[in-house]
Amino acid sequence: KKRFFSRRDYEPQFQYRPLKIDPYEFKERLYRLPVSHLT
């Protein structure tokens, strides 16, 4: 925000928290859940 207001043509370069989950393993485990056992 400070950089943007010091130079209005600046495109902010945002940073983000790293993901602590393996997305491929997550989806595999997700779709192995036994939903078909519900009546």
PDB file of all heavy atoms in Angstrom:
ATOM      1  N   LYS A   1       0.840  -1.204   0.000  1.00  0.00           N
ATOM      2  CA  LYS A   1       0.000   0.000   0.000  1.00  0.00           C
ATOM      3  C   LYS A   1       0.870   1.248   0.000  1.00  0.00           C
ATOM      4  O   LYS A   1       0.620   2.213  -0.748  1.00  0.00           O
ATOM      5  CB  LYS A   1      -0.926  -0.018   1.214  1.00  0.00           C
ATOM      6  CG  LYS A   1      -1.919   1.142   1.260  1.00  0.00           C
ATOM      7  CD  LYS A   1      -2.864   1.000   2.448  1.00  0.00           C
ATOM      8  CE  LYS A   1      -3.867   2.153   2.483  1.00  0.00           C
ATOM      9  NZ  LYS A   1      -4.801   2.026   3.639  1.00  0.00           N
ATOM     10  N   LYS A   2       1.923   1.259   0.825  1.00  0.00           N
ATOM     11  CA  LYS A   2       2.850   2.403   0.856  1.00  0.00           C
ATOM     12  C   LYS A   2       3.521   2.595  -0.498  1.00  0.00           C
ATOM     13  O   LYS A   2       3.639   3.710  -1.008  1.00  0.00           O
ATOM     14  CB  LYS A   2       3.917   2.178   1.934  1.00  0.00           C
ATOM     15  CG  LYS A   2       3.420   2.344   3.356  1.00  0.00           C
ATOM     16  CD  LYS A   2       4.553   2.119   4.345  1.00  0.00           C
ATOM     17  CE  LYS A   2       4.046   2.236   5.783  1.00  0.00           C
ATOM     18  NZ  LYS A   2       5.138   1.968   6.756  1.00  0.00           N
ATOM     19  N   ARG A   3       3.980   1.521  -1.110  1.00  0.00           N
ATOM     20  CA  ARG A   3       4.640   1.615  -2.416  1.00  0.00           C
ATOM     21  C   ARG A   3       3.676   2.126  -3.487  1.00  0.00           C
ATOM     22  O   ARG A   3       4.050   2.919  -4.344  1.00  0.00           O
ATOM     23  CB  ARG A   3       5.185   0.239  -2.817  1.00  0.00           C
ATOM     24  CG  ARG A   3       6.397  -0.196  -2.003  1.00  0.00           C
ATOM     25  CD  ARG A   3       6.821  -1.608  -2.339  1.00  0.00           C
ATOM     26  NE  ARG A   3       7.950  -2.014  -1.506  1.00  0.00           N
ATOM     27  CZ  ARG A   3       8.358  -3.264  -1.359  1.00  0.00           C
ATOM     28  NH1 ARG A   3       7.710  -4.245  -1.986  1.00  0.00           N
ATOM     29  NH2 ARG A   3       9.389  -3.545  -0.595  1.00  0.00           N
ATOM     30  N   PHE A   4       2.443   1.645  -3.427  1.00  0.00           N
ATOM     31  CA  PHE A   4       1.461   2.078  -4.431  1.00  0.00           C
ATOM     32  C   PHE A   4       1.200   3.576  -4.329  1.00  0.00           C
ATOM     33  O   PHE A   4       1.171   4.279  -5.344  1.00  0.00           O
ATOM     34  CB  PHE A   4       0.154   1.295  -4.246  1.00  0.00           C
ATOM     35  CG  PHE A   4      -0.926   1.690  -5.208  1.00  0.00           C
ATOM     36  CD1 PHE A   4      -0.923   1.230  -6.510  1.00  0.00           C
ATOM     37  CD2 PHE A   4      -1.957   2.544  -4.816  1.00  0.00           C
ATOM     38  CE1 PHE A   4      -1.912   1.597  -7.407  1.00  0.00           C
ATOM     39  CE2 PHE A   4      -2.952   2.918  -5.698  1.00  0.00           C
ATOM     40  CZ  PHE A   4      -2.929   2.440  -7.001  1.00  0.00           C
ATOM     41  N   PHE A   5       1.021   4.069  -3.118  1.00  0.00           N
ATOM     42  CA  PHE A   5       0.706   5.489  -2.968  1.00  0.00           C
ATOM     43  C   PHE A   5       1.922   6.392  -3.164  1.00  0.00           C
ATOM     44  O   PHE A   5       1.784   7.595  -3.369  1.00  0.00           O
ATOM     45  CB  PHE A   5       0.047   5.748  -1.610  1.00  0.00           C
ATOM     46  CG  PHE A   5      -1.399   5.338  -1.575  1.00  0.00           C
ATOM     47  CD1 PHE A   5      -1.835   4.322  -0.731  1.00  0.00           C
ATOM     48  CD2 PHE A   5      -2.324   5.944  -2.414  1.00  0.00           C
ATOM     49  CE1 PHE A   5      -3.161   3.924  -0.714  1.00  0.00           C
ATOM     50  CE2 PHE A   5      -3.657   5.554  -2.396  1.00  0.00           C
ATOM     51  CZ  PHE A   5      -4.077   4.548  -1.553  1.00  0.00           C
ATOM     52  N   SER A   6       3.105   5.808  -3.127  1.00  0.00           N
ATOM     53  CA  SER A   6       4.295   6.615  -3.441  1.00  0.00           C
ATOM     54  C   SER A   6       4.518   6.703  -4.948  1.00  0.00           C
ATOM     55  O   SER A   6       5.192   7.618  -5.432  1.00  0.00           O
ATOM     56  CB  SER A   6       5.531   6.003  -2.768  1.00  0.00           C
ATOM     57  OG  SER A   6       5.830   4.734  -3.332  1.00  0.00           O
ATOM     58  N   ARG A   7       3.924   5.742  -5.693  1.00  0.00           N
ATOM     59  CA  ARG A   7       4.071   5.763  -7.158  1.00  0.00           C
ATOM     60  C   ARG A   7       2.852   5.094  -7.759  1.00  0.00           C
ATOM     61  O   ARG A   7       2.753   3.871  -7.797  1.00  0.00           O
ATOM     62  CB  ARG A   7       5.359   5.021  -7.540  1.00  0.00           C
ATOM     63  CG  ARG A   7       5.675   5.042  -9.034  1.00  0.00           C
ATOM     64  CD  ARG A   7       7.138   4.689  -9.291  1.00  0.00           C
ATOM     65  NE  ARG A   7       7.510   3.381  -8.780  1.00  0.00           N
ATOM     66  CZ  ARG A   7       7.407   2.252  -9.488  1.00  0.00           C
ATOM     67  NH1 ARG A   7       6.923   2.283 -10.715  1.00  0.00           N
ATOM     68  NH2 ARG A   7       7.780   1.115  -8.963  1.00  0.00           N
ATOM     69  N   ARG A   8       1.892   5.898  -8.235  1.00  0.00           N
ATOM     70  CA  ARG A   8       0.571   5.385  -8.598  1.00  0.00           C
ATOM     71  C   ARG A   8       0.565   4.424  -9.793  1.00  0.00           C
ATOM     72  O   ARG A   8      -0.403   3.720 -10.011  1.00  0.00           O
ATOM     73  CB  ARG A   8      -0.381   6.553  -8.893  1.00  0.00           C
ATOM     74  CG  ARG A   8      -0.816   7.316  -7.662  1.00  0.00           C
ATOM     75  CD  ARG A   8      -1.635   6.433  -6.718  1.00  0.00           C
ATOM     76  NE  ARG A   8      -2.065   7.149  -5.527  1.00  0.00           N
ATOM     77  CZ  ARG A   8      -3.181   7.843  -5.434  1.00  0.00           C
ATOM     78  NH1 ARG A   8      -3.989   7.910  -6.462  1.00  0.00           N
ATOM     79  NH2 ARG A   8      -3.487   8.472  -4.315  1.00  0.00           N
ATOM     80  N   ASP A   9       1.622   4.393 -10.571  1.00  0.00           N
ATOM     81  CA  ASP A   9       1.638   3.441 -11.682  1.00  0.00           C
ATOM     82  C   ASP A   9       2.201   2.083 -11.261  1.00  0.00           C
ATOM     83  O   ASP A   9       2.356   1.176 -12.066  1.00  0.00           O
ATOM     84  CB  ASP A   9       2.455   3.995 -12.851  1.00  0.00           C
ATOM     85  CG  ASP A   9       3.920   4.241 -12.477  1.00  0.00           C
ATOM     86  OD1 ASP A   9       4.227   4.253 -11.267  1.00  0.00           O
ATOM     87  OD2 ASP A   9       4.743   4.418 -13.389  1.00  0.00           O
ATOM     88  N   TYR A  10       2.475   1.938  -9.970  1.00  0.00           N
ATOM     89  CA  TYR A  10       3.054   0.705  -9.441  1.00  0.00           C
ATOM     90  C   TYR A  10       1.979  -0.379  -9.336  1.00  0.00           C
ATOM     91  O   TYR A  10       0.871  -0.128  -8.869  1.00  0.00           O
ATOM     92  CB  TYR A  10       3.657   0.975  -8.054  1.00  0.00           C
ATOM     93  CG  TYR A  10       4.188  -0.249  -7.345  1.00  0.00           C
ATOM     94  CD1 TYR A  10       5.344  -0.889  -7.786  1.00  0.00           C
ATOM     95  CD2 TYR A  10       3.525  -0.761  -6.225  1.00  0.00           C
ATOM     96  CE1 TYR A  10       5.832  -2.001  -7.128  1.00  0.00           C
ATOM     97  CE2 TYR A  10       4.007  -1.874  -5.557  1.00  0.00           C
ATOM     98  CZ  TYR A  10       5.163  -2.497  -6.015  1.00  0.00           C
ATOM     99  OH  TYR A  10       5.637  -3.600  -5.350  1.00  0.00           O
ATOM    100  N   GLU A  11       2.299  -1.566  -9.793  1.00  0.00           N
ATOM    101  CA  GLU A  11       1.405  -2.715  -9.669  1.00  0.00           C
ATOM    102  C   GLU A  11       1.827  -3.507  -8.432  1.00  0.00           C
ATOM    103  O   GLU A  11       2.927  -4.066  -8.394  1.00  0.00           O
ATOM    104  CB  GLU A  11       1.487  -3.614 -10.904  1.00  0.00           C
ATOM    105  CG  GLU A  11       0.844  -3.020 -12.138  1.00  0.00           C
ATOM    106  CD  GLU A  11      -0.679  -3.060 -12.075  1.00  0.00           C
ATOM    107  OE1 GLU A  11      -1.245  -4.089 -11.693  1.00  0.00           O
ATOM    108  OE2 GLU A  11      -1.296  -2.028 -12.417  1.00  0.00           O
ATOM    109  N   PRO A  12       1.000  -3.561  -7.392  1.00  0.00           N
ATOM    110  CA  PRO A  12       1.387  -4.252  -6.154  1.00  0.00           C
ATOM    111  C   PRO A  12       1.811  -5.704  -6.401  1.00  0.00           C
ATOM    112  O   PRO A  12       1.204  -6.412  -7.207  1.00  0.00           O
ATOM    113  CB  PRO A  12       0.121  -4.187  -5.307  1.00  0.00           C
ATOM    114  CG  PRO A  12      -0.606  -2.989  -5.805  1.00  0.00           C
ATOM    115  CD  PRO A  12      -0.334  -2.937  -7.275  1.00  0.00           C
ATOM    116  N   GLN A  13       2.849  -6.088  -5.720  1.00  0.00           N
ATOM    117  CA  GLN A  13       3.358  -7.457  -5.803  1.00  0.00           C
ATOM    118  C   GLN A  13       3.061  -8.155  -4.470  1.00  0.00           C
ATOM    119  O   GLN A  13       3.865  -8.129  -3.543  1.00  0.00           O
ATOM    120  CB  GLN A  13       4.873  -7.450  -6.078  1.00  0.00           C
ATOM    121  CG  GLN A  13       5.271  -6.695  -7.331  1.00  0.00           C
ATOM    122  CD  GLN A  13       4.674  -7.324  -8.583  1.00  0.00           C
ATOM    123  OE1 GLN A  13       4.812  -8.533  -8.792  1.00  0.00           O
ATOM    124  NE2 GLN A  13       4.028  -6.517  -9.419  1.00  0.00           N
ATOM    125  N   PHE A  14       1.899  -8.737  -4.393  1.00  0.00           N
ATOM    126  CA  PHE A  14       1.471  -9.321  -3.133  1.00  0.00           C
ATOM    127  C   PHE A  14       2.142 -10.678  -2.895  1.00  0.00           C
ATOM    128  O   PHE A  14       2.435 -11.423  -3.831  1.00  0.00           O
ATOM    129  CB  PHE A  14      -0.049  -9.483  -3.110  1.00  0.00           C
ATOM    130  CG  PHE A  14      -0.800  -8.179  -3.116  1.00  0.00           C
ATOM    131  CD1 PHE A  14      -1.736  -7.891  -4.102  1.00  0.00           C
ATOM    132  CD2 PHE A  14      -0.572  -7.231  -2.126  1.00  0.00           C
ATOM    133  CE1 PHE A  14      -2.429  -6.697  -4.095  1.00  0.00           C
ATOM    134  CE2 PHE A  14      -1.269  -6.034  -2.109  1.00  0.00           C
ATOM    135  CZ  PHE A  14      -2.194  -5.761  -3.101  1.00  0.00           C
ATOM    136  N   GLN A  15       2.339 -10.971  -1.623  1.00  0.00           N
ATOM    137  CA  GLN A  15       2.913 -12.251  -1.212  1.00  0.00           C
ATOM    138  C   GLN A  15       1.879 -13.008  -0.367  1.00  0.00           C
ATOM    139  O   GLN A  15       1.044 -12.394   0.304  1.00  0.00           O
ATOM    140  CB  GLN A  15       4.198 -12.029  -0.409  1.00  0.00           C
ATOM    141  CG  GLN A  15       5.313 -11.380  -1.225  1.00  0.00           C
ATOM    142  CD  GLN A  15       6.509 -11.034  -0.356  1.00  0.00           C
ATOM    143  OE1 GLN A  15       6.545 -11.318   0.843  1.00  0.00           O
ATOM    144  NE2 GLN A  15       7.513 -10.404  -0.971  1.00  0.00           N
ATOM    145  N   TYR A  16       2.000 -14.345  -0.382  1.00  0.00           N
ATOM    146  CA  TYR A  16       0.981 -15.168   0.259  1.00  0.00           C
ATOM    147  C   TYR A  16       1.614 -16.274   1.089  1.00  0.00           C
ATOM    148  O   TYR A  16       2.767 -16.652   0.880  1.00  0.00           O
ATOM    149  CB  TYR A  16       0.052 -15.777  -0.806  1.00  0.00           C
ATOM    150  CG  TYR A  16      -0.535 -14.741  -1.730  1.00  0.00           C
ATOM    151  CD1 TYR A  16       0.075 -14.446  -2.958  1.00  0.00           C
ATOM    152  CD2 TYR A  16      -1.659 -14.019  -1.359  1.00  0.00           C
ATOM    153  CE1 TYR A  16      -0.459 -13.471  -3.791  1.00  0.00           C
ATOM    154  CE2 TYR A  16      -2.192 -13.051  -2.195  1.00  0.00           C
ATOM    155  CZ  TYR A  16      -1.581 -12.770  -3.405  1.00  0.00           C
ATOM    156  OH  TYR A  16      -2.094 -11.800  -4.218  1.00  0.00           O
ATOM    157  N   ARG A  17       0.827 -16.783   2.024  1.00  0.00           N
ATOM    158  CA  ARG A  17       1.294 -17.890   2.859  1.00  0.00           C
ATOM    159  C   ARG A  17       1.460 -19.152   2.014  1.00  0.00           C
ATOM    160  O   ARG A  17       0.634 -19.437   1.152  1.00  0.00           O
ATOM    161  CB  ARG A  17       0.296 -18.172   3.986  1.00  0.00           C
ATOM    162  CG  ARG A  17       0.171 -17.056   4.996  1.00  0.00           C
ATOM    163  CD  ARG A  17      -0.917 -17.400   6.015  1.00  0.00           C
ATOM    164  NE  ARG A  17      -1.054 -16.351   7.018  1.00  0.00           N
ATOM    165  CZ  ARG A  17      -1.812 -15.259   6.876  1.00  0.00           C
ATOM    166  NH1 ARG A  17      -2.502 -15.088   5.749  1.00  0.00           N
ATOM    167  NH2 ARG A  17      -1.871 -14.350   7.823  1.00  0.00           N
ATOM    168  N   PRO A  18       2.495 -19.921   2.285  1.00  0.00           N
ATOM    169  CA  PRO A  18       2.653 -21.185   1.537  1.00  0.00           C
ATOM    170  C   PRO A  18       1.608 -22.203   1.981  1.00  0.00           C
ATOM    171  O   PRO A  18       1.206 -22.255   3.145  1.00  0.00           O
ATOM    172  CB  PRO A  18       4.066 -21.644   1.924  1.00  0.00           C
ATOM    173  CG  PRO A  18       4.341 -20.991   3.247  1.00  0.00           C
ATOM    174  CD  PRO A  18       3.603 -19.685   3.224  1.00  0.00           C
ATOM    175  N   LEU A  19       1.167 -23.022   1.040  1.00  0.00           N
ATOM    176  CA  LEU A  19       0.187 -24.063   1.318  1.00  0.00           C
ATOM    177  C   LEU A  19       0.865 -25.221   2.045  1.00  0.00           C
ATOM    178  O   LEU A  19       1.916 -25.704   1.622  1.00  0.00           O
ATOM    179  CB  LEU A  19      -0.437 -24.560   0.003  1.00  0.00           C
ATOM    180  CG  LEU A  19      -1.574 -25.570   0.100  1.00  0.00           C
ATOM    181  CD1 LEU A  19      -2.770 -24.964   0.809  1.00  0.00           C
ATOM    182  CD2 LEU A  19      -1.973 -26.037  -1.303  1.00  0.00           C
ATOM    183  N   LYS A  20       0.268 -25.652   3.145  1.00  0.00           N
ATOM    184  CA  LYS A  20       0.862 -26.716   3.958  1.00  0.00           C
ATOM    185  C   LYS A  20       0.257 -28.080   3.654  1.00  0.00           C
ATOM    186  O   LYS A  20       0.385 -29.013   4.448  1.00  0.00           O
ATOM    187  CB  LYS A  20       0.681 -26.391   5.444  1.00  0.00           C
ATOM    188  CG  LYS A  20       1.383 -25.108   5.884  1.00  0.00           C
ATOM    189  CD  LYS A  20       1.143 -24.836   7.355  1.00  0.00           C
ATOM    190  CE  LYS A  20       1.835 -23.549   7.786  1.00  0.00           C
ATOM    191  NZ  LYS A  20       1.589 -23.248   9.226  1.00  0.00           N
ATOM    192  N   ILE A  21      -0.414 -28.189   2.520  1.00  0.00           N
ATOM    193  CA  ILE A  21      -1.103 -29.433   2.158  1.00  0.00           C
ATOM    194  C   ILE A  21      -0.625 -29.879   0.779  1.00  0.00           C
ATOM    195  O   ILE A  21      -0.451 -29.062  -0.123  1.00  0.00           O
ATOM    196  CB  ILE A  21      -2.631 -29.213   2.131  1.00  0.00           C
ATOM    197  CG1 ILE A  21      -3.133 -28.801   3.517  1.00  0.00           C
ATOM    198  CG2 ILE A  21      -3.369 -30.449   1.652  1.00  0.00           C
ATOM    199  CD1 ILE A  21      -4.582 -28.363   3.536  1.00  0.00           C
ATOM    200  N   ASP A  22      -0.404 -31.171   0.618  1.00  0.00           N
ATOM    201  CA  ASP A  22      -0.125 -31.730  -0.707  1.00  0.00           C
ATOM    202  C   ASP A  22      -1.468 -31.854  -1.433  1.00  0.00           C
ATOM    203  O   ASP A  22      -2.303 -32.689  -1.060  1.00  0.00           O
ATOM    204  CB  ASP A  22       0.530 -33.100  -0.572  1.00  0.00           C
ATOM    205  CG  ASP A  22       0.870 -33.719  -1.926  1.00  0.00           C
ATOM    206  OD1 ASP A  22       0.188 -33.413  -2.922  1.00  0.00           O
ATOM    207  OD2 ASP A  22       1.805 -34.533  -1.979  1.00  0.00           O
ATOM    208  N   PRO A  23      -1.723 -31.018  -2.458  1.00  0.00           N
ATOM    209  CA  PRO A  23      -3.060 -31.003  -3.080  1.00  0.00           C
ATOM    210  C   PRO A  23      -3.447 -32.324  -3.738  1.00  0.00           C
ATOM    211  O   PRO A  23      -4.624 -32.689  -3.767  1.00  0.00           O
ATOM    212  CB  PRO A  23      -2.960 -29.880  -4.109  1.00  0.00           C
ATOM    213  CG  PRO A  23      -1.504 -29.712  -4.364  1.00  0.00           C
ATOM    214  CD  PRO A  23      -0.809 -30.060  -3.084  1.00  0.00           C
ATOM    215  N   TYR A  24      -2.472 -33.056  -4.257  1.00  0.00           N
ATOM    216  CA  TYR A  24      -2.783 -34.308  -4.944  1.00  0.00           C
ATOM    217  C   TYR A  24      -3.178 -35.388  -3.938  1.00  0.00           C
ATOM    218  O   TYR A  24      -4.150 -36.118  -4.129  1.00  0.00           O
ATOM    219  CB  TYR A  24      -1.577 -34.752  -5.783  1.00  0.00           C
ATOM    220  CG  TYR A  24      -1.150 -33.684  -6.756  1.00  0.00           C
ATOM    221  CD1 TYR A  24      -0.017 -32.910  -6.516  1.00  0.00           C
ATOM    222  CD2 TYR A  24      -1.912 -33.407  -7.891  1.00  0.00           C
ATOM    223  CE1 TYR A  24       0.362 -31.899  -7.386  1.00  0.00           C
ATOM    224  CE2 TYR A  24      -1.544 -32.397  -8.772  1.00  0.00           C
ATOM    225  CZ  TYR A  24      -0.406 -31.648  -8.511  1.00  0.00           C
ATOM    226  OH  TYR A  24      -0.047 -30.649  -9.368  1.00  0.00           O
ATOM    227  N   GLU A  25      -2.413 -35.456  -2.852  1.00  0.00           N
ATOM    228  CA  GLU A  25      -2.764 -36.409  -1.801  1.00  0.00           C
ATOM    229  C   GLU A  25      -4.109 -36.045  -1.170  1.00  0.00           C
ATOM    230  O   GLU A  25      -4.919 -36.924  -0.844  1.00  0.00           O
ATOM    231  CB  GLU A  25      -1.674 -36.423  -0.725  1.00  0.00           C
ATOM    232  CG  GLU A  25      -1.954 -37.416   0.393  1.00  0.00           C
ATOM    233  CD  GLU A  25      -0.948 -37.318   1.532  1.00  0.00           C
ATOM    234  OE1 GLU A  25       0.054 -36.580   1.392  1.00  0.00           O
ATOM    235  OE2 GLU A  25      -1.189 -37.969   2.565  1.00  0.00           O
ATOM    236  N   PHE A  26      -4.350 -34.727  -1.017  1.00  0.00           N
ATOM    237  CA  PHE A  26      -5.608 -34.262  -0.434  1.00  0.00           C
ATOM    238  C   PHE A  26      -6.788 -34.752  -1.263  1.00  0.00           C
ATOM    239  O   PHE A  26      -7.762 -35.301  -0.732  1.00  0.00           O
ATOM    240  CB  PHE A  26      -5.608 -32.735  -0.368  1.00  0.00           C
ATOM    241  CG  PHE A  26      -6.885 -32.141   0.163  1.00  0.00           C
ATOM    242  CD1 PHE A  26      -7.090 -31.996   1.527  1.00  0.00           C
ATOM    243  CD2 PHE A  26      -7.894 -31.721  -0.704  1.00  0.00           C
ATOM    244  CE1 PHE A  26      -8.271 -31.455   2.021  1.00  0.00           C
ATOM    245  CE2 PHE A  26      -9.076 -31.182  -0.223  1.00  0.00           C
ATOM    246  CZ  PHE A  26      -9.257 -31.047   1.148  1.00  0.00           C
ATOM    247  N   LYS A  27      -6.720 -34.578  -2.582  1.00  0.00           N
ATOM    248  CA  LYS A  27      -7.839 -34.990  -3.439  1.00  0.00           C
ATOM    249  C   LYS A  27      -8.005 -36.513  -3.451  1.00  0.00           C
ATOM    250  O   LYS A  27      -9.131 -37.018  -3.487  1.00  0.00           O
ATOM    251  CB  LYS A  27      -7.643 -34.453  -4.858  1.00  0.00           C
ATOM    252  CG  LYS A  27      -7.999 -32.982  -4.988  1.00  0.00           C
ATOM    253  CD  LYS A  27      -8.248 -32.561  -6.405  1.00  0.00           C
ATOM    254  CE  LYS A  27      -6.957 -32.463  -7.181  1.00  0.00           C
ATOM    255  NZ  LYS A  27      -7.179 -31.901  -8.536  1.00  0.00           N
ATOM    256  N   GLU A  28      -6.888 -37.236  -3.430  1.00  0.00           N
ATOM    257  CA  GLU A  28      -6.980 -38.695  -3.391  1.00  0.00           C
ATOM    258  C   GLU A  28      -7.714 -39.156  -2.130  1.00  0.00           C
ATOM    259  O   GLU A  28      -8.605 -40.016  -2.180  1.00  0.00           O
ATOM    260  CB  GLU A  28      -5.580 -39.316  -3.431  1.00  0.00           C
ATOM    261  CG  GLU A  28      -4.917 -39.249  -4.799  1.00  0.00           C
ATOM    262  CD  GLU A  28      -3.516 -39.830  -4.779  1.00  0.00           C
ATOM    263  OE1 GLU A  28      -3.103 -40.320  -3.698  1.00  0.00           O
ATOM    264  OE2 GLU A  28      -2.839 -39.800  -5.810  1.00  0.00           O
ATOM    265  N   ARG A  29      -7.329 -38.577  -0.998  1.00  0.00           N
ATOM    266  CA  ARG A  29      -7.961 -38.951   0.268  1.00  0.00           C
ATOM    267  C   ARG A  29      -9.423 -38.505   0.299  1.00  0.00           C
ATOM    268  O   ARG A  29     -10.289 -39.196   0.836  1.00  0.00           O
ATOM    269  CB  ARG A  29      -7.189 -38.336   1.437  1.00  0.00           C
ATOM    270  CG  ARG A  29      -5.800 -38.912   1.631  1.00  0.00           C
ATOM    271  CD  ARG A  29      -5.040 -38.172   2.718  1.00  0.00           C
ATOM    272  NE  ARG A  29      -5.684 -38.314   4.012  1.00  0.00           N
ATOM    273  CZ  ARG A  29      -5.348 -37.599   5.080  1.00  0.00           C
ATOM    274  NH1 ARG A  29      -4.394 -36.682   5.007  1.00  0.00           N
ATOM    275  NH2 ARG A  29      -5.977 -37.789   6.229  1.00  0.00           N
ATOM    276  N   LEU A  30      -9.688 -37.361  -0.311  1.00  0.00           N
ATOM    277  CA  LEU A  30     -11.048 -36.821  -0.343  1.00  0.00           C
ATOM    278  C   LEU A  30     -11.990 -37.782  -1.063  1.00  0.00           C
ATOM    279  O   LEU A  30     -13.086 -38.096  -0.569  1.00  0.00           O
ATOM    280  CB  LEU A  30     -11.012 -35.464  -1.047  1.00  0.00           C
ATOM    281  CG  LEU A  30     -12.182 -34.500  -0.878  1.00  0.00           C
ATOM    282  CD1 LEU A  30     -12.338 -34.105   0.581  1.00  0.00           C
ATOM    283  CD2 LEU A  30     -11.948 -33.245  -1.731  1.00  0.00           C
ATOM    284  N   TYR A  31     -11.559 -38.255  -2.222  1.00  0.00           N
ATOM    285  CA  TYR A  31     -12.438 -39.107  -3.025  1.00  0.00           C
ATOM    286  C   TYR A  31     -12.430 -40.573  -2.582  1.00  0.00           C
ATOM    287  O   TYR A  31     -13.191 -41.382  -3.118  1.00  0.00           O
ATOM    288  CB  TYR A  31     -12.083 -38.987  -4.499  1.00  0.00           C
ATOM    289  CG  TYR A  31     -12.648 -37.719  -5.113  1.00  0.00           C
ATOM    290  CD1 TYR A  31     -11.814 -36.733  -5.626  1.00  0.00           C
ATOM    291  CD2 TYR A  31     -14.019 -37.506  -5.150  1.00  0.00           C
ATOM    292  CE1 TYR A  31     -12.340 -35.569  -6.170  1.00  0.00           C
ATOM    293  CE2 TYR A  31     -14.552 -36.350  -5.692  1.00  0.00           C
ATOM    294  CZ  TYR A  31     -13.711 -35.386  -6.206  1.00  0.00           C
ATOM    295  OH  TYR A  31     -14.233 -34.230  -6.742  1.00  0.00           O
ATOM    296  N   ARG A  32     -11.576 -40.888  -1.606  1.00  0.00           N
ATOM    297  CA  ARG A  32     -11.626 -42.240  -1.033  1.00  0.00           C
ATOM    298  C   ARG A  32     -12.602 -42.331   0.137  1.00  0.00           C
ATOM    299  O   ARG A  32     -12.867 -43.422   0.652  1.00  0.00           O
ATOM    300  CB  ARG A  32     -10.226 -42.679  -0.569  1.00  0.00           C
ATOM    301  CG  ARG A  32      -9.303 -43.130  -1.702  1.00  0.00           C
ATOM    302  CD  ARG A  32      -8.194 -44.031  -1.183  1.00  0.00           C
ATOM    303  NE  ARG A  32      -7.362 -43.366  -0.181  1.00  0.00           N
ATOM    304  CZ  ARG A  32      -6.226 -42.729  -0.446  1.00  0.00           C
ATOM    305  NH1 ARG A  32      -5.790 -42.661  -1.696  1.00  0.00           N
ATOM    306  NH2 ARG A  32      -5.528 -42.163   0.519  1.00  0.00           N
ATOM    307  N   LEU A  33     -13.140 -41.213   0.566  1.00  0.00           N
ATOM    308  CA  LEU A  33     -14.082 -41.232   1.682  1.00  0.00           C
ATOM    309  C   LEU A  33     -15.318 -42.054   1.300  1.00  0.00           C
ATOM    310  O   LEU A  33     -15.857 -41.899   0.197  1.00  0.00           O
ATOM    311  CB  LEU A  33     -14.486 -39.805   2.063  1.00  0.00           C
ATOM    312  CG  LEU A  33     -13.368 -38.944   2.671  1.00  0.00           C
ATOM    313  CD1 LEU A  33     -13.826 -37.488   2.810  1.00  0.00           C
ATOM    314  CD2 LEU A  33     -12.943 -39.482   4.029  1.00  0.00           C
ATOM    315  N   PRO A  34     -15.797 -42.919   2.186  1.00  0.00           N
ATOM    316  CA  PRO A  34     -16.842 -43.897   1.831  1.00  0.00           C
ATOM    317  C   PRO A  34     -18.263 -43.329   1.844  1.00  0.00           C
ATOM    318  O   PRO A  34     -19.124 -43.786   2.600  1.00  0.00           O
ATOM    319  CB  PRO A  34     -16.658 -44.974   2.908  1.00  0.00           C
ATOM    320  CG  PRO A  34     -16.152 -44.221   4.101  1.00  0.00           C
ATOM    321  CD  PRO A  34     -15.289 -43.109   3.558  1.00  0.00           C
ATOM    322  N   VAL A  35     -18.524 -42.374   0.972  1.00  0.00           N
ATOM    323  CA  VAL A  35     -19.850 -41.763   0.919  1.00  0.00           C
ATOM    324  C   VAL A  35     -20.904 -42.769   0.464  1.00  0.00           C
ATOM    325  O   VAL A  35     -22.060 -42.712   0.886  1.00  0.00           O
ATOM    326  CB  VAL A  35     -19.847 -40.535  -0.029  1.00  0.00           C
ATOM    327  CG1 VAL A  35     -21.190 -39.826   0.009  1.00  0.00           C
ATOM    328  CG2 VAL A  35     -18.748 -39.574   0.357  1.00  0.00           C
ATOM    329  N   SER A  36     -20.510 -43.693  -0.369  1.00  0.00           N
ATOM    330  CA  SER A  36     -21.470 -44.668  -0.903  1.00  0.00           C
ATOM    331  C   SER A  36     -22.052 -45.558   0.187  1.00  0.00           C
ATOM    332  O   SER A  36     -23.081 -46.210  -0.023  1.00  0.00           O
ATOM    333  CB  SER A  36     -20.806 -45.537  -1.979  1.00  0.00           C
ATOM    334  OG  SER A  36     -19.714 -46.253  -1.433  1.00  0.00           O
ATOM    335  N   HIS A  37     -21.421 -45.601   1.361  1.00  0.00           N
ATOM    336  CA  HIS A  37     -21.930 -46.429   2.457  1.00  0.00           C
ATOM    337  C   HIS A  37     -23.139 -45.799   3.150  1.00  0.00           C
ATOM    338  O   HIS A  37     -23.810 -46.463   3.936  1.00  0.00           O
ATOM    339  CB  HIS A  37     -20.824 -46.666   3.495  1.00  0.00           C
ATOM    340  CG  HIS A  37     -19.681 -47.475   2.970  1.00  0.00           C
ATOM    341  ND1 HIS A  37     -18.523 -47.722   3.690  1.00  0.00           N
ATOM    342  CD2 HIS A  37     -19.501 -48.107   1.777  1.00  0.00           C
ATOM    343  CE1 HIS A  37     -17.705 -48.458   2.970  1.00  0.00           C
ATOM    344  NE2 HIS A  37     -18.267 -48.701   1.809  1.00  0.00           N
ATOM    345  N   LEU A  38     -23.401 -44.525   2.875  1.00  0.00           N
ATOM    346  CA  LEU A  38     -24.530 -43.849   3.511  1.00  0.00           C
ATOM    347  C   LEU A  38     -25.830 -44.280   2.833  1.00  0.00           C
ATOM    348  O   LEU A  38     -25.869 -44.485   1.613  1.00  0.00           O
ATOM    349  CB  LEU A  38     -24.374 -42.331   3.414  1.00  0.00           C
ATOM    350  CG  LEU A  38     -23.087 -41.743   4.017  1.00  0.00           C
ATOM    351  CD1 LEU A  38     -23.053 -40.226   3.812  1.00  0.00           C
ATOM    352  CD2 LEU A  38     -22.976 -42.079   5.497  1.00  0.00           C
ATOM    353  N   THR A  39     -26.898 -44.394   3.603  1.00  0.00           N
ATOM    354  CA  THR A  39     -28.176 -44.836   3.041  1.00  0.00           C
ATOM    355  C   THR A  39     -29.149 -43.689   2.812  1.00  0.00           C
ATOM    356  O   THR A  39     -29.956 -43.748   1.887  1.00  0.00           O
ATOM    357  CB  THR A  39     -28.845 -45.866   3.971  1.00  0.00           C
ATOM    358  OG1 THR A  39     -28.994 -45.292   5.276  1.00  0.00           O
ATOM    359  CG2 THR A  39     -28.004 -47.129   4.069  1.00  0.00           C
TER     360      THR A  39
END
